[in-house]
Amino acid sequence: MLVVDLGAAPGSWSQIAAQKVGKHGKVLALDILPMDPLPGVDFLQGDFREASVLREFEAMLEGRQVDLVISDIAPNMAGNAMMDMPRSIYLIELALDFAQHHLKPGGNYLVKAFQGTGYPEYMTLLRKSFDQVFTRKPKASRDRSNEIYLLGKGKLENYTAVFPDDDTTSMEY
């Protein structure tokens, strides 16, 4: 089993994924922040928005399709929803685009999102990309927090692309 963790630092999701896939699986992790080495996890430090970093990370796949993409990626929040929401949506759109291009048909995608501007449109893309979509608000999350986790199960072969032109240079922010 091959798992990709986007926005991996400090490494808790990668650590759990590595334990679940065991010796016969692999976890590839990416984050702009440093992360301590973990057994069973190959880590690349870099900015996911940069095409050169994305290409380097894709090379780590060695042409393999991914079983699961997990993403806890989020921008540094400024406390201003007018700035924070578009930046957050952009990052999870990039994560979904990665999943669309690299997940096996039937693969799964788990992402942390924030409800607000752009969220309904993102959910539409997600529903067009996966057979089933589930939402969960963690018990640890405050009631007034707009944090939510989304699980796309069963990647569809025919989906609505996030970035239809498939030009990786358009991913630079």
C-alpha atoms as a PDB file:
ATOM      1  CA  MET A   1       0.000   0.000   0.000  1.00  0.00           C
ATOM      2  CA  LEU A   2       1.272   3.476  -0.893  1.00  0.00           C
ATOM      3  CA  VAL A   3       0.151   6.473   1.179  1.00  0.00           C
ATOM      4  CA  VAL A   4       0.945  10.138   0.514  1.00  0.00           C
ATOM      5  CA  ASP A   5       0.788  12.692   3.351  1.00  0.00           C
ATOM      6  CA  LEU A   6       0.638  16.324   2.200  1.00  0.00           C
ATOM      7  CA  GLY A   7       1.279  18.949   4.873  1.00  0.00           C
ATOM      8  CA  ALA A   8       2.836  16.185   6.954  1.00  0.00           C
ATOM      9  CA  ALA A   9       4.712  18.030   9.724  1.00  0.00           C
ATOM     10  CA  PRO A  10       4.982  17.342  12.593  1.00  0.00           C
ATOM     11  CA  GLY A  11       4.376  13.773  11.414  1.00  0.00           C
ATOM     12  CA  SER A  12       1.558  12.271  13.488  1.00  0.00           C
ATOM     13  CA  TRP A  13      -0.537  11.211  10.459  1.00  0.00           C
ATOM     14  CA  SER A  14       2.561   9.841   8.707  1.00  0.00           C
ATOM     15  CA  GLN A  15       3.505   7.865  11.810  1.00  0.00           C
ATOM     16  CA  ILE A  16       0.050   6.283  12.077  1.00  0.00           C
ATOM     17  CA  ALA A  17      -0.047   5.579   8.326  1.00  0.00           C
ATOM     18  CA  ALA A  18       3.381   3.898   8.477  1.00  0.00           C
ATOM     19  CA  GLN A  19       2.196   1.689  11.345  1.00  0.00           C
ATOM     20  CA  LYS A  20      -0.944   0.737   9.389  1.00  0.00           C
ATOM     21  CA  VAL A  21       0.827  -0.121   6.101  1.00  0.00           C
ATOM     22  CA  GLY A  22       3.633  -1.998   7.850  1.00  0.00           C
ATOM     23  CA  LYS A  23       6.822  -3.264   6.204  1.00  0.00           C
ATOM     24  CA  HIS A  24       5.174  -3.990   2.890  1.00  0.00           C
ATOM     25  CA  GLY A  25       3.794  -0.481   2.445  1.00  0.00           C
ATOM     26  CA  LYS A  26       5.307   2.950   2.045  1.00  0.00           C
ATOM     27  CA  VAL A  27       4.435   6.472   3.200  1.00  0.00           C
ATOM     28  CA  LEU A  28       5.686   9.493   1.269  1.00  0.00           C
ATOM     29  CA  ALA A  29       5.385  12.778   3.153  1.00  0.00           C
ATOM     30  CA  LEU A  30       5.776  16.412   2.106  1.00  0.00           C
ATOM     31  CA  ASP A  31       5.753  19.650   4.069  1.00  0.00           C
ATOM     32  CA  ILE A  32       7.250  23.121   3.910  1.00  0.00           C
ATOM     33  CA  LEU A  33       8.225  22.660   7.579  1.00  0.00           C
ATOM     34  CA  PRO A  34      10.881  20.220   8.813  1.00  0.00           C
ATOM     35  CA  MET A  35       9.846  16.852  10.193  1.00  0.00           C
ATOM     36  CA  ASP A  36      11.812  14.373  12.308  1.00  0.00           C
ATOM     37  CA  PRO A  37      12.645  11.104  10.514  1.00  0.00           C
ATOM     38  CA  LEU A  38      10.080   8.335  10.979  1.00  0.00           C
ATOM     39  CA  PRO A  39      10.489   4.620  10.221  1.00  0.00           C
ATOM     40  CA  GLY A  40       8.724   3.691   6.982  1.00  0.00           C
ATOM     41  CA  VAL A  41       8.309   7.328   5.896  1.00  0.00           C
ATOM     42  CA  ASP A  42      10.215   9.063   3.100  1.00  0.00           C
ATOM     43  CA  PHE A  43      10.019  12.825   3.676  1.00  0.00           C
ATOM     44  CA  LEU A  44      10.612  15.753   1.342  1.00  0.00           C
ATOM     45  CA  GLN A  45      10.787  19.256   2.775  1.00  0.00           C
ATOM     46  CA  GLY A  46       9.532  21.847   0.318  1.00  0.00           C
ATOM     47  CA  ASP A  47       6.698  24.130  -0.720  1.00  0.00           C
ATOM     48  CA  PHE A  48       3.924  22.086  -2.369  1.00  0.00           C
ATOM     49  CA  ARG A  49       2.905  25.166  -4.401  1.00  0.00           C
ATOM     50  CA  GLU A  50       6.219  25.191  -6.281  1.00  0.00           C
ATOM     51  CA  ALA A  51       6.262  23.151  -9.491  1.00  0.00           C
ATOM     52  CA  SER A  52       9.877  22.038  -8.916  1.00  0.00           C
ATOM     53  CA  VAL A  53       9.016  20.622  -5.473  1.00  0.00           C
ATOM     54  CA  LEU A  54       5.932  18.909  -6.859  1.00  0.00           C
ATOM     55  CA  ARG A  55       7.996  17.302  -9.644  1.00  0.00           C
ATOM     56  CA  GLU A  56      10.592  16.090  -7.120  1.00  0.00           C
ATOM     57  CA  PHE A  57       7.852  14.628  -4.932  1.00  0.00           C
ATOM     58  CA  GLU A  58       6.170  12.981  -7.921  1.00  0.00           C
ATOM     59  CA  ALA A  59       9.523  11.396  -8.820  1.00  0.00           C
ATOM     60  CA  MET A  60       9.477   9.725  -5.388  1.00  0.00           C
ATOM     61  CA  LEU A  61       6.348   7.865  -6.526  1.00  0.00           C
ATOM     62  CA  GLU A  62       8.471   6.061  -9.130  1.00  0.00           C
ATOM     63  CA  GLY A  63       5.457   5.840 -11.441  1.00  0.00           C
ATOM     64  CA  ARG A  64       3.304   4.069  -8.839  1.00  0.00           C
ATOM     65  CA  GLN A  65      -0.310   5.008  -8.230  1.00  0.00           C
ATOM     66  CA  VAL A  66      -1.313   5.898  -4.676  1.00  0.00           C
ATOM     67  CA  ASP A  67      -3.847   4.062  -2.508  1.00  0.00           C
ATOM     68  CA  LEU A  68      -4.509   6.920  -0.078  1.00  0.00           C
ATOM     69  CA  VAL A  69      -3.761  10.651  -0.014  1.00  0.00           C
ATOM     70  CA  ILE A  70      -4.053  12.351   3.371  1.00  0.00           C
ATOM     71  CA  SER A  71      -3.700  16.091   3.756  1.00  0.00           C
ATOM     72  CA  ASP A  72      -3.546  18.256   6.837  1.00  0.00           C
ATOM     73  CA  ILE A  73      -2.148  21.089   4.743  1.00  0.00           C
ATOM     74  CA  ALA A  74      -3.102  24.605   5.810  1.00  0.00           C
ATOM     75  CA  PRO A  75      -1.632  28.074   5.410  1.00  0.00           C
ATOM     76  CA  ASN A  76      -0.443  30.143   8.329  1.00  0.00           C
ATOM     77  CA  MET A  77      -3.707  31.669   9.475  1.00  0.00           C
ATOM     78  CA  ALA A  78      -3.751  35.436   9.901  1.00  0.00           C
ATOM     79  CA  GLY A  79      -7.089  35.501  11.725  1.00  0.00           C
ATOM     80  CA  ASN A  80      -8.707  37.297   8.793  1.00  0.00           C
ATOM     81  CA  ALA A  81     -11.276  35.077   7.045  1.00  0.00           C
ATOM     82  CA  MET A  82     -11.106  37.204   3.881  1.00  0.00           C
ATOM     83  CA  MET A  83      -7.420  36.253   3.543  1.00  0.00           C
ATOM     84  CA  ASP A  84      -7.332  32.860   5.242  1.00  0.00           C
ATOM     85  CA  MET A  85     -10.180  31.070   3.431  1.00  0.00           C
ATOM     86  CA  PRO A  86      -8.983  31.598  -0.164  1.00  0.00           C
ATOM     87  CA  ARG A  87      -5.451  30.515   0.798  1.00  0.00           C
ATOM     88  CA  SER A  88      -6.789  27.440   2.595  1.00  0.00           C
ATOM     89  CA  ILE A  89      -9.100  26.469  -0.291  1.00  0.00           C
ATOM     90  CA  TYR A  90      -6.248  26.929  -2.780  1.00  0.00           C
ATOM     91  CA  LEU A  91      -4.035  24.497  -0.854  1.00  0.00           C
ATOM     92  CA  ILE A  92      -6.716  21.821  -0.563  1.00  0.00           C
ATOM     93  CA  GLU A  93      -7.535  22.288  -4.251  1.00  0.00           C
ATOM     94  CA  LEU A  94      -3.868  21.545  -4.985  1.00  0.00           C
ATOM     95  CA  ALA A  95      -4.095  18.478  -2.739  1.00  0.00           C
ATOM     96  CA  LEU A  96      -7.229  17.305  -4.566  1.00  0.00           C
ATOM     97  CA  ASP A  97      -5.549  17.893  -7.923  1.00  0.00           C
ATOM     98  CA  PHE A  98      -2.628  15.750  -6.753  1.00  0.00           C
ATOM     99  CA  ALA A  99      -5.065  13.033  -5.632  1.00  0.00           C
ATOM    100  CA  GLN A 100      -6.925  13.157  -8.954  1.00  0.00           C
ATOM    101  CA  HIS A 101      -3.688  12.617 -10.866  1.00  0.00           C
ATOM    102  CA  HIS A 102      -2.023  10.043  -8.618  1.00  0.00           C
ATOM    103  CA  LEU A 103      -4.671   7.993  -6.813  1.00  0.00           C
ATOM    104  CA  LYS A 104      -5.544   4.559  -8.151  1.00  0.00           C
ATOM    105  CA  PRO A 105      -9.120   4.210  -9.378  1.00  0.00           C
ATOM    106  CA  GLY A 106     -11.009   3.371  -6.195  1.00  0.00           C
ATOM    107  CA  GLY A 107      -8.366   5.122  -4.047  1.00  0.00           C
ATOM    108  CA  ASN A 108      -9.235   7.306  -1.059  1.00  0.00           C
ATOM    109  CA  TYR A 109      -8.556  10.908  -0.014  1.00  0.00           C
ATOM    110  CA  LEU A 110      -8.717  12.394   3.499  1.00  0.00           C
ATOM    111  CA  VAL A 111      -8.336  16.153   3.929  1.00  0.00           C
ATOM    112  CA  LYS A 112      -8.734  18.761   6.648  1.00  0.00           C
ATOM    113  CA  ALA A 113     -10.790  21.692   5.405  1.00  0.00           C
ATOM    114  CA  PHE A 114     -12.293  24.861   6.799  1.00  0.00           C
ATOM    115  CA  GLN A 115     -15.908  25.751   6.075  1.00  0.00           C
ATOM    116  CA  GLY A 116     -16.382  29.190   4.581  1.00  0.00           C
ATOM    117  CA  THR A 117     -15.917  30.964   1.269  1.00  0.00           C
ATOM    118  CA  GLY A 118     -15.109  28.436  -1.458  1.00  0.00           C
ATOM    119  CA  TYR A 119     -16.048  25.399   0.647  1.00  0.00           C
ATOM    120  CA  PRO A 120     -19.329  24.557  -1.181  1.00  0.00           C
ATOM    121  CA  GLU A 121     -17.550  24.673  -4.547  1.00  0.00           C
ATOM    122  CA  TYR A 122     -14.781  22.448  -3.188  1.00  0.00           C
ATOM    123  CA  MET A 123     -17.368  19.942  -1.961  1.00  0.00           C
ATOM    124  CA  THR A 124     -18.882  19.884  -5.461  1.00  0.00           C
ATOM    125  CA  LEU A 125     -15.473  19.001  -6.945  1.00  0.00           C
ATOM    126  CA  LEU A 126     -14.959  16.341  -4.290  1.00  0.00           C
ATOM    127  CA  ARG A 127     -18.350  14.750  -4.974  1.00  0.00           C
ATOM    128  CA  LYS A 128     -17.547  14.645  -8.696  1.00  0.00           C
ATOM    129  CA  SER A 129     -14.204  12.952  -7.978  1.00  0.00           C
ATOM    130  CA  PHE A 130     -15.249  10.185  -5.559  1.00  0.00           C
ATOM    131  CA  ASP A 131     -17.983   7.586  -5.276  1.00  0.00           C
ATOM    132  CA  GLN A 132     -18.735   8.614  -1.682  1.00  0.00           C
ATOM    133  CA  VAL A 133     -17.866  11.688   0.393  1.00  0.00           C
ATOM    134  CA  PHE A 134     -18.113  11.795   4.184  1.00  0.00           C
ATOM    135  CA  THR A 135     -17.708  14.775   6.525  1.00  0.00           C
ATOM    136  CA  ARG A 136     -16.629  14.607  10.158  1.00  0.00           C
ATOM    137  CA  LYS A 137     -16.086  17.301  12.739  1.00  0.00           C
ATOM    138  CA  PRO A 138     -13.589  16.082  15.332  1.00  0.00           C
ATOM    139  CA  LYS A 139     -14.769  16.045  18.939  1.00  0.00           C
ATOM    140  CA  ALA A 140     -11.556  17.859  19.862  1.00  0.00           C
ATOM    141  CA  SER A 141     -12.538  20.763  17.598  1.00  0.00           C
ATOM    142  CA  ARG A 142     -14.289  23.662  19.290  1.00  0.00           C
ATOM    143  CA  ASP A 143     -17.987  24.068  18.448  1.00  0.00           C
ATOM    144  CA  ARG A 144     -17.397  27.463  16.850  1.00  0.00           C
ATOM    145  CA  SER A 145     -14.425  26.217  14.804  1.00  0.00           C
ATOM    146  CA  ASN A 146     -15.035  25.808  11.073  1.00  0.00           C
ATOM    147  CA  GLU A 147     -12.525  22.915  10.879  1.00  0.00           C
ATOM    148  CA  ILE A 148     -13.875  19.723   9.300  1.00  0.00           C
ATOM    149  CA  TYR A 149     -12.429  16.520   7.864  1.00  0.00           C
ATOM    150  CA  LEU A 150     -13.555  15.228   4.479  1.00  0.00           C
ATOM    151  CA  LEU A 151     -13.136  11.665   3.239  1.00  0.00           C
ATOM    152  CA  GLY A 152     -13.487  10.849  -0.437  1.00  0.00           C
ATOM    153  CA  LYS A 153     -13.852   7.084  -0.933  1.00  0.00           C
ATOM    154  CA  GLY A 154     -13.539   5.369  -4.280  1.00  0.00           C
ATOM    155  CA  LYS A 155     -11.825   7.713  -6.735  1.00  0.00           C
ATOM    156  CA  LEU A 156     -13.800   7.846  -9.952  1.00  0.00           C
ATOM    157  CA  GLU A 157     -12.043   7.437 -13.276  1.00  0.00           C
ATOM    158  CA  ASN A 158     -14.106  10.251 -14.811  1.00  0.00           C
ATOM    159  CA  TYR A 159     -13.921  13.326 -12.618  1.00  0.00           C
ATOM    160  CA  THR A 160     -14.044  17.102 -12.884  1.00  0.00           C
ATOM    161  CA  ALA A 161     -10.439  18.289 -12.783  1.00  0.00           C
ATOM    162  CA  VAL A 162      -9.537  21.025 -10.316  1.00  0.00           C
ATOM    163  CA  PHE A 163      -7.033  22.465 -12.794  1.00  0.00           C
ATOM    164  CA  PRO A 164      -8.370  21.304 -16.196  1.00  0.00           C
ATOM    165  CA  ASP A 165      -5.433  22.575 -18.248  1.00  0.00           C
ATOM    166  CA  ASP A 166      -3.153  20.091 -16.395  1.00  0.00           C
ATOM    167  CA  ASP A 167      -0.338  22.650 -16.525  1.00  0.00           C
ATOM    168  CA  THR A 168       1.689  22.201 -13.340  1.00  0.00           C
ATOM    169  CA  THR A 169       3.110  25.698 -13.680  1.00  0.00           C
ATOM    170  CA  SER A 170      -0.395  27.017 -12.944  1.00  0.00           C
ATOM    171  CA  MET A 171      -0.002  25.568  -9.456  1.00  0.00           C
ATOM    172  CA  GLU A 172       2.527  28.182  -8.419  1.00  0.00           C
ATOM    173  CA  TYR A 173       0.993  30.716  -6.058  1.00  0.00           C
END
